[in-house]
Amino acid sequence: MGKKNITKHDEQQEENLTPRFEFIFQKKNYIFMVVGLLVIGLGFALMAGGGSDDPNVFNEEIFSWRRIRLAPILVLIGFGIEIYAILLNPNKEK
């Protein structure tokens, strides 16, 4: 049996057959995404509560500064961090 001649074309075809797995984003992007999700989660957690067990009793706590101002601001900041994480290019040279 003789030696099989492998051409450059055959090598390129073999390389194309093996699937290459590559993430869309890099580690820095995913770190910012997780931070953004945590900030959004914190904002929603701060919005929770303030209701009354008895529907005939009104609870003023639903209009607290934390639920009306702080929590929505945290959610919006979290969405801003998510947008930044998507648009961030970690390969960009300074």
N, C-alpha and C. Protein backbone atom coordinates (compact mmCIF):
# COMPACT_ATOMS: atom_id res chain seq x y z
N MET A 1 0.83 -1.15 0.00
CA MET A 1 0.00 0.00 0.00
C MET A 1 0.89 1.23 0.00
N GLY A 2 0.50 2.15 -0.80
CA GLY A 2 1.28 3.37 -0.94
C GLY A 2 0.80 4.46 0.01
N LYS A 3 1.61 5.43 0.13
CA LYS A 3 1.29 6.57 0.99
C LYS A 3 0.25 7.44 0.28
N LYS A 4 -0.80 7.82 1.03
CA LYS A 4 -1.86 8.64 0.44
C LYS A 4 -1.39 10.08 0.38
N ASN A 5 -1.54 10.67 -0.78
CA ASN A 5 -1.18 12.07 -0.94
C ASN A 5 -2.31 12.95 -0.43
N ILE A 6 -1.99 13.76 0.56
CA ILE A 6 -2.97 14.68 1.12
C ILE A 6 -2.66 16.06 0.57
N THR A 7 -3.62 16.61 -0.11
CA THR A 7 -3.42 17.93 -0.68
C THR A 7 -3.92 18.99 0.29
N LYS A 8 -3.60 20.21 -0.02
CA LYS A 8 -4.03 21.34 0.81
C LYS A 8 -5.55 21.45 0.78
N HIS A 9 -6.16 21.12 -0.34
CA HIS A 9 -7.61 21.17 -0.47
C HIS A 9 -8.26 20.16 0.48
N ASP A 10 -7.68 18.93 0.58
CA ASP A 10 -8.22 17.92 1.48
C ASP A 10 -8.13 18.35 2.94
N GLU A 11 -7.02 19.00 3.31
CA GLU A 11 -6.86 19.48 4.68
C GLU A 11 -7.90 20.55 5.02
N GLN A 12 -8.19 21.43 4.07
CA GLN A 12 -9.19 22.46 4.31
C GLN A 12 -10.58 21.86 4.47
N GLN A 13 -10.88 20.82 3.71
CA GLN A 13 -12.17 20.17 3.83
C GLN A 13 -12.31 19.49 5.18
N GLU A 14 -11.24 18.86 5.67
CA GLU A 14 -11.29 18.22 6.98
C GLU A 14 -11.48 19.25 8.08
N GLU A 15 -10.86 20.41 7.96
CA GLU A 15 -11.03 21.46 8.96
C GLU A 15 -12.46 21.98 8.95
N ASN A 16 -13.07 22.05 7.79
CA ASN A 16 -14.45 22.55 7.70
C ASN A 16 -15.45 21.56 8.27
N LEU A 17 -15.11 20.27 8.32
CA LEU A 17 -16.02 19.27 8.83
C LEU A 17 -16.10 19.30 10.36
N THR A 18 -15.04 19.69 11.02
CA THR A 18 -15.06 19.72 12.47
C THR A 18 -15.74 21.01 12.93
N PRO A 19 -16.80 20.87 13.73
CA PRO A 19 -17.51 22.07 14.18
C PRO A 19 -16.66 22.84 15.20
N ARG A 20 -16.61 24.13 15.02
CA ARG A 20 -15.90 25.00 15.95
C ARG A 20 -16.93 25.70 16.81
N PHE A 21 -16.83 25.50 18.11
CA PHE A 21 -17.76 26.14 19.05
C PHE A 21 -17.12 27.43 19.54
N GLU A 22 -17.85 28.51 19.37
CA GLU A 22 -17.34 29.80 19.79
C GLU A 22 -18.48 30.62 20.38
N PHE A 23 -18.24 31.21 21.54
CA PHE A 23 -19.25 32.06 22.17
C PHE A 23 -19.40 33.35 21.37
N ILE A 24 -20.60 33.92 21.44
CA ILE A 24 -20.85 35.17 20.75
C ILE A 24 -20.12 36.31 21.46
N PHE A 25 -20.19 36.29 22.79
CA PHE A 25 -19.55 37.33 23.59
C PHE A 25 -18.35 36.75 24.31
N GLN A 26 -17.58 37.63 24.92
CA GLN A 26 -16.42 37.17 25.68
C GLN A 26 -16.71 37.28 27.17
N LYS A 27 -15.74 36.86 27.98
CA LYS A 27 -15.93 36.78 29.42
C LYS A 27 -16.35 38.11 30.03
N LYS A 28 -15.74 39.19 29.60
CA LYS A 28 -16.05 40.51 30.14
C LYS A 28 -17.52 40.88 29.88
N ASN A 29 -18.02 40.54 28.69
CA ASN A 29 -19.42 40.81 28.36
C ASN A 29 -20.36 40.05 29.29
N TYR A 30 -20.05 38.76 29.51
CA TYR A 30 -20.92 37.95 30.36
C TYR A 30 -20.89 38.42 31.82
N ILE A 31 -19.76 38.91 32.28
CA ILE A 31 -19.68 39.43 33.65
C ILE A 31 -20.61 40.63 33.79
N PHE A 32 -20.56 41.55 32.82
CA PHE A 32 -21.46 42.71 32.86
C PHE A 32 -22.92 42.29 32.76
N MET A 33 -23.21 41.25 31.97
CA MET A 33 -24.59 40.78 31.86
C MET A 33 -25.10 40.23 33.19
N VAL A 34 -24.28 39.48 33.89
CA VAL A 34 -24.69 38.93 35.18
C VAL A 34 -24.90 40.06 36.19
N VAL A 35 -24.01 41.05 36.19
CA VAL A 35 -24.17 42.20 37.09
C VAL A 35 -25.48 42.92 36.77
N GLY A 36 -25.77 43.12 35.49
CA GLY A 36 -27.02 43.78 35.10
C GLY A 36 -28.25 42.99 35.56
N LEU A 37 -28.20 41.68 35.42
CA LEU A 37 -29.32 40.85 35.87
C LEU A 37 -29.50 40.92 37.38
N LEU A 38 -28.40 40.97 38.11
CA LEU A 38 -28.49 41.08 39.57
C LEU A 38 -29.10 42.42 39.98
N VAL A 39 -28.73 43.50 39.29
CA VAL A 39 -29.29 44.82 39.61
C VAL A 39 -30.78 44.84 39.28
N ILE A 40 -31.17 44.26 38.16
CA ILE A 40 -32.59 44.19 37.80
C ILE A 40 -33.35 43.36 38.84
N GLY A 41 -32.79 42.23 39.23
CA GLY A 41 -33.43 41.39 40.25
C GLY A 41 -33.58 42.11 41.58
N LEU A 42 -32.56 42.87 41.97
CA LEU A 42 -32.64 43.65 43.21
C LEU A 42 -33.75 44.70 43.11
N GLY A 43 -33.86 45.33 41.95
CA GLY A 43 -34.91 46.32 41.77
C GLY A 43 -36.30 45.71 41.89
N PHE A 44 -36.50 44.55 41.29
CA PHE A 44 -37.81 43.90 41.40
C PHE A 44 -38.07 43.40 42.82
N ALA A 45 -37.03 42.95 43.50
CA ALA A 45 -37.21 42.51 44.88
C ALA A 45 -37.60 43.68 45.78
N LEU A 46 -37.03 44.86 45.52
CA LEU A 46 -37.39 46.03 46.32
C LEU A 46 -38.81 46.51 46.04
N MET A 47 -39.34 46.20 44.86
CA MET A 47 -40.72 46.58 44.54
C MET A 47 -41.74 45.69 45.22
N ALA A 48 -41.35 44.50 45.61
CA ALA A 48 -42.29 43.53 46.15
C ALA A 48 -42.81 43.95 47.52
N GLY A 49 -43.97 43.44 47.85
CA GLY A 49 -44.54 43.66 49.18
C GLY A 49 -45.39 44.91 49.25
N GLY A 50 -45.75 45.27 50.47
CA GLY A 50 -46.51 46.48 50.70
C GLY A 50 -48.01 46.29 50.59
N GLY A 51 -48.44 45.10 50.28
CA GLY A 51 -49.87 44.86 50.17
C GLY A 51 -50.49 44.60 51.52
N SER A 52 -51.79 44.46 51.53
CA SER A 52 -52.52 44.21 52.76
C SER A 52 -53.15 42.82 52.69
N ASP A 53 -53.18 42.14 53.82
CA ASP A 53 -53.83 40.83 53.85
C ASP A 53 -55.35 40.95 53.76
N ASP A 54 -55.86 42.03 54.29
CA ASP A 54 -57.29 42.28 54.28
C ASP A 54 -57.62 43.26 53.16
N PRO A 55 -58.45 42.89 52.18
CA PRO A 55 -58.75 43.80 51.07
C PRO A 55 -59.53 45.05 51.49
N ASN A 56 -60.11 45.05 52.68
CA ASN A 56 -60.87 46.21 53.15
C ASN A 56 -59.98 47.25 53.82
N VAL A 57 -58.70 46.92 54.04
CA VAL A 57 -57.79 47.82 54.73
C VAL A 57 -56.75 48.31 53.73
N PHE A 58 -56.59 49.62 53.63
CA PHE A 58 -55.61 50.21 52.71
C PHE A 58 -54.28 50.38 53.44
N ASN A 59 -53.20 49.97 52.81
CA ASN A 59 -51.88 50.07 53.41
C ASN A 59 -51.08 51.15 52.67
N GLU A 60 -50.72 52.20 53.38
CA GLU A 60 -49.96 53.32 52.77
C GLU A 60 -48.53 52.90 52.38
N GLU A 61 -48.06 51.79 52.90
CA GLU A 61 -46.69 51.34 52.64
C GLU A 61 -46.45 51.06 51.15
N ILE A 62 -47.49 50.87 50.39
CA ILE A 62 -47.34 50.61 48.96
C ILE A 62 -46.75 51.82 48.23
N PHE A 63 -46.91 53.01 48.80
CA PHE A 63 -46.39 54.22 48.18
C PHE A 63 -45.08 54.69 48.80
N SER A 64 -44.30 53.77 49.32
CA SER A 64 -43.05 54.15 49.97
C SER A 64 -42.02 54.60 48.92
N TRP A 65 -41.04 55.37 49.37
CA TRP A 65 -39.99 55.88 48.49
C TRP A 65 -39.23 54.74 47.82
N ARG A 66 -39.05 53.66 48.55
CA ARG A 66 -38.31 52.51 48.03
C ARG A 66 -39.03 51.88 46.83
N ARG A 67 -40.34 51.77 46.90
CA ARG A 67 -41.10 51.12 45.83
C ARG A 67 -41.39 52.05 44.65
N ILE A 68 -41.51 53.32 44.92
CA ILE A 68 -41.88 54.27 43.87
C ILE A 68 -40.67 54.84 43.13
N ARG A 69 -39.58 55.06 43.83
CA ARG A 69 -38.43 55.73 43.22
C ARG A 69 -37.20 54.83 43.08
N LEU A 70 -36.78 54.23 44.18
CA LEU A 70 -35.52 53.47 44.18
C LEU A 70 -35.58 52.24 43.29
N ALA A 71 -36.61 51.43 43.44
CA ALA A 71 -36.69 50.18 42.69
C ALA A 71 -36.76 50.40 41.17
N PRO A 72 -37.61 51.28 40.67
CA PRO A 72 -37.61 51.49 39.21
C PRO A 72 -36.29 52.05 38.68
N ILE A 73 -35.63 52.91 39.47
CA ILE A 73 -34.34 53.43 39.03
C ILE A 73 -33.32 52.30 38.93
N LEU A 74 -33.33 51.38 39.90
CA LEU A 74 -32.41 50.23 39.84
C LEU A 74 -32.69 49.35 38.63
N VAL A 75 -33.97 49.15 38.32
CA VAL A 75 -34.32 48.33 37.15
C VAL A 75 -33.82 49.01 35.87
N LEU A 76 -34.01 50.30 35.75
CA LEU A 76 -33.54 51.02 34.55
C LEU A 76 -32.01 51.00 34.46
N ILE A 77 -31.33 51.15 35.59
CA ILE A 77 -29.86 51.07 35.59
C ILE A 77 -29.42 49.68 35.16
N GLY A 78 -30.13 48.66 35.62
CA GLY A 78 -29.82 47.28 35.23
C GLY A 78 -29.98 47.07 33.73
N PHE A 79 -31.05 47.63 33.16
CA PHE A 79 -31.22 47.52 31.71
C PHE A 79 -30.12 48.28 30.97
N GLY A 80 -29.69 49.40 31.51
CA GLY A 80 -28.58 50.13 30.91
C GLY A 80 -27.29 49.32 30.94
N ILE A 81 -27.05 48.63 32.04
CA ILE A 81 -25.87 47.77 32.14
C ILE A 81 -25.95 46.63 31.12
N GLU A 82 -27.14 46.08 30.92
CA GLU A 82 -27.31 45.02 29.93
C GLU A 82 -27.01 45.52 28.52
N ILE A 83 -27.48 46.70 28.19
CA ILE A 83 -27.20 47.27 26.86
C ILE A 83 -25.71 47.51 26.70
N TYR A 84 -25.08 48.02 27.74
CA TYR A 84 -23.62 48.24 27.70
C TYR A 84 -22.89 46.91 27.51
N ALA A 85 -23.34 45.86 28.19
CA ALA A 85 -22.69 44.55 28.08
C ALA A 85 -22.80 44.00 26.66
N ILE A 86 -23.92 44.25 26.01
CA ILE A 86 -24.09 43.76 24.64
C ILE A 86 -23.22 44.55 23.67
N LEU A 87 -23.13 45.85 23.86
CA LEU A 87 -22.38 46.69 22.93
C LEU A 87 -20.88 46.75 23.22
N LEU A 88 -20.45 46.24 24.37
CA LEU A 88 -19.04 46.29 24.77
C LEU A 88 -18.19 45.44 23.84
N ASN A 89 -17.09 46.00 23.38
CA ASN A 89 -16.14 45.27 22.56
C ASN A 89 -14.84 45.13 23.34
N PRO A 90 -14.60 43.97 23.98
CA PRO A 90 -13.41 43.83 24.82
C PRO A 90 -12.10 43.76 24.02
N ASN A 91 -12.18 43.52 22.72
CA ASN A 91 -10.98 43.43 21.90
C ASN A 91 -10.49 44.79 21.41
N LYS A 92 -11.27 45.82 21.65
CA LYS A 92 -10.93 47.15 21.18
C LYS A 92 -9.70 47.66 21.91
N GLU A 93 -8.74 48.14 21.13
CA GLU A 93 -7.52 48.69 21.72
C GLU A 93 -7.75 50.15 22.07
N LYS A 94 -7.10 50.58 23.15
CA LYS A 94 -7.27 51.97 23.61
C LYS A 94 -6.40 52.91 22.82
